[in-house]
Amino acid sequence: MKTSIGNNPICYCFGYSEEDIIRDVLENNGISSILERILSEKKRGGCNCKTNHPQGR
C-alpha cells in the first residue's frame, strides 16, 4: 500500500522510483527520459518484469 510519493518502486528491472521519475520530468521540461528508456528496453526485450517484480508483472 502506498503511503506517499517518493521511493515507491516504479521499475524493478532498472531500479527507478516515483521520486526518480518526478525529478526527471521536472528537470527535462515535462518529459521523462527514464520512461523513454524503460519503454525502449521493454520493446527490445531488455526487461525482466516477470522475475524482478514481486507480483510478477
N, C-alpha and C. Protein backbone atom coordinates (compact mmCIF):
# COMPACT_ATOMS: atom_id res chain seq x y z
N MET A 1 0.83 -1.18 0.00
CA MET A 1 0.00 0.00 0.00
C MET A 1 0.87 1.24 0.00
N LYS A 2 0.61 2.17 -0.90
CA LYS A 2 1.37 3.40 -0.98
C LYS A 2 1.01 4.32 0.18
N THR A 3 2.03 4.92 0.75
CA THR A 3 1.78 5.87 1.82
C THR A 3 2.07 7.29 1.38
N SER A 4 3.01 7.46 0.47
CA SER A 4 3.34 8.79 -0.03
C SER A 4 4.15 8.66 -1.31
N ILE A 5 4.24 9.77 -2.02
CA ILE A 5 5.07 9.78 -3.22
C ILE A 5 6.52 9.84 -2.76
N GLY A 6 7.36 9.09 -3.40
CA GLY A 6 8.76 9.11 -3.02
C GLY A 6 9.51 7.94 -3.57
N ASN A 7 9.93 7.08 -2.68
CA ASN A 7 10.79 5.97 -3.08
C ASN A 7 10.02 4.71 -3.43
N ASN A 8 8.73 4.83 -3.70
CA ASN A 8 7.97 3.66 -4.15
C ASN A 8 8.55 3.19 -5.48
N PRO A 9 8.89 1.92 -5.59
CA PRO A 9 9.47 1.42 -6.84
C PRO A 9 8.49 1.52 -8.01
N ILE A 10 9.00 1.96 -9.15
CA ILE A 10 8.23 2.02 -10.39
C ILE A 10 8.74 0.94 -11.34
N CYS A 11 10.05 0.81 -11.41
CA CYS A 11 10.66 -0.16 -12.32
C CYS A 11 11.64 -1.03 -11.55
N TYR A 12 11.29 -2.28 -11.39
CA TYR A 12 12.15 -3.20 -10.66
C TYR A 12 13.33 -3.66 -11.50
N CYS A 13 13.21 -3.61 -12.81
CA CYS A 13 14.31 -4.03 -13.68
C CYS A 13 15.47 -3.05 -13.65
N PHE A 14 15.15 -1.76 -13.64
CA PHE A 14 16.19 -0.73 -13.71
C PHE A 14 16.31 0.07 -12.42
N GLY A 15 15.49 -0.23 -11.43
CA GLY A 15 15.62 0.38 -10.11
C GLY A 15 15.11 1.80 -9.98
N TYR A 16 14.16 2.20 -10.80
CA TYR A 16 13.63 3.57 -10.72
C TYR A 16 12.46 3.65 -9.75
N SER A 17 12.40 4.79 -9.03
CA SER A 17 11.32 5.04 -8.09
C SER A 17 10.45 6.19 -8.60
N GLU A 18 9.33 6.41 -7.92
CA GLU A 18 8.47 7.55 -8.25
C GLU A 18 9.26 8.85 -8.19
N GLU A 19 10.08 8.96 -7.18
CA GLU A 19 10.90 10.17 -7.00
C GLU A 19 11.82 10.39 -8.20
N ASP A 20 12.42 9.32 -8.70
CA ASP A 20 13.30 9.43 -9.88
C ASP A 20 12.54 9.97 -11.08
N ILE A 21 11.33 9.45 -11.31
CA ILE A 21 10.54 9.88 -12.47
C ILE A 21 10.11 11.33 -12.31
N ILE A 22 9.65 11.70 -11.12
CA ILE A 22 9.22 13.09 -10.88
C ILE A 22 10.39 14.04 -11.11
N ARG A 23 11.55 13.72 -10.55
CA ARG A 23 12.73 14.57 -10.72
C ARG A 23 13.11 14.68 -12.19
N ASP A 24 13.07 13.56 -12.90
CA ASP A 24 13.42 13.53 -14.32
C ASP A 24 12.48 14.43 -15.13
N VAL A 25 11.18 14.34 -14.86
CA VAL A 25 10.20 15.17 -15.58
C VAL A 25 10.43 16.65 -15.29
N LEU A 26 10.69 16.98 -14.03
CA LEU A 26 10.92 18.38 -13.67
C LEU A 26 12.19 18.94 -14.31
N GLU A 27 13.22 18.12 -14.39
CA GLU A 27 14.50 18.56 -14.95
C GLU A 27 14.50 18.59 -16.48
N ASN A 28 13.55 17.92 -17.12
CA ASN A 28 13.54 17.81 -18.58
C ASN A 28 12.29 18.41 -19.20
N ASN A 29 11.82 19.51 -18.63
CA ASN A 29 10.69 20.26 -19.19
C ASN A 29 9.47 19.40 -19.46
N GLY A 30 9.13 18.54 -18.51
CA GLY A 30 7.91 17.75 -18.61
C GLY A 30 8.02 16.44 -19.35
N ILE A 31 9.22 16.08 -19.76
CA ILE A 31 9.43 14.83 -20.50
C ILE A 31 10.31 13.90 -19.66
N SER A 32 9.92 12.65 -19.57
CA SER A 32 10.69 11.69 -18.80
C SER A 32 11.60 10.87 -19.70
N SER A 33 12.89 11.08 -19.58
CA SER A 33 13.84 10.25 -20.33
C SER A 33 13.88 8.84 -19.73
N ILE A 34 13.56 8.74 -18.45
CA ILE A 34 13.52 7.43 -17.80
C ILE A 34 12.42 6.58 -18.41
N LEU A 35 11.23 7.16 -18.55
CA LEU A 35 10.12 6.42 -19.15
C LEU A 35 10.47 5.99 -20.57
N GLU A 36 11.10 6.88 -21.32
CA GLU A 36 11.52 6.54 -22.69
C GLU A 36 12.48 5.36 -22.68
N ARG A 37 13.43 5.36 -21.73
CA ARG A 37 14.40 4.27 -21.64
C ARG A 37 13.71 2.95 -21.30
N ILE A 38 12.80 2.99 -20.32
CA ILE A 38 12.09 1.78 -19.92
C ILE A 38 11.31 1.20 -21.10
N LEU A 39 10.57 2.06 -21.80
CA LEU A 39 9.77 1.60 -22.94
C LEU A 39 10.64 1.05 -24.06
N SER A 40 11.77 1.70 -24.31
CA SER A 40 12.70 1.24 -25.35
C SER A 40 13.28 -0.13 -25.00
N GLU A 41 13.73 -0.28 -23.75
CA GLU A 41 14.29 -1.55 -23.31
C GLU A 41 13.24 -2.66 -23.35
N LYS A 42 12.02 -2.32 -22.96
CA LYS A 42 10.95 -3.32 -22.97
C LYS A 42 10.68 -3.81 -24.38
N LYS A 43 10.66 -2.90 -25.36
CA LYS A 43 10.45 -3.28 -26.76
C LYS A 43 11.55 -4.22 -27.25
N ARG A 44 12.78 -4.00 -26.77
CA ARG A 44 13.92 -4.83 -27.19
C ARG A 44 14.04 -6.10 -26.37
N GLY A 45 13.16 -6.27 -25.40
CA GLY A 45 13.23 -7.46 -24.54
C GLY A 45 14.25 -7.32 -23.44
N GLY A 46 14.64 -6.08 -23.12
CA GLY A 46 15.69 -5.84 -22.14
C GLY A 46 15.21 -5.71 -20.71
N CYS A 47 13.96 -6.04 -20.45
CA CYS A 47 13.49 -6.01 -19.07
C CYS A 47 13.02 -7.42 -18.69
N ASN A 48 12.93 -7.63 -17.41
CA ASN A 48 12.56 -8.95 -16.92
C ASN A 48 11.55 -8.80 -15.78
N CYS A 49 10.46 -8.11 -16.07
CA CYS A 49 9.45 -7.79 -15.06
C CYS A 49 8.88 -9.02 -14.37
N LYS A 50 8.66 -10.07 -15.12
CA LYS A 50 8.05 -11.27 -14.53
C LYS A 50 8.92 -11.87 -13.43
N THR A 51 10.22 -11.65 -13.52
CA THR A 51 11.14 -12.16 -12.50
C THR A 51 11.41 -11.11 -11.42
N ASN A 52 11.64 -9.86 -11.82
CA ASN A 52 12.05 -8.83 -10.89
C ASN A 52 10.92 -8.21 -10.07
N HIS A 53 9.73 -8.12 -10.62
CA HIS A 53 8.60 -7.50 -9.92
C HIS A 53 8.04 -8.51 -8.92
N PRO A 54 7.83 -8.09 -7.67
CA PRO A 54 7.33 -9.03 -6.65
C PRO A 54 6.00 -9.69 -7.02
N GLN A 55 5.17 -9.01 -7.83
CA GLN A 55 3.89 -9.59 -8.23
C GLN A 55 3.95 -10.20 -9.63
N GLY A 56 5.14 -10.29 -10.19
CA GLY A 56 5.34 -10.93 -11.48
C GLY A 56 4.70 -10.23 -12.65
N ARG A 57 4.73 -8.90 -12.64
CA ARG A 57 4.16 -8.16 -13.76
C ARG A 57 5.07 -7.07 -14.23
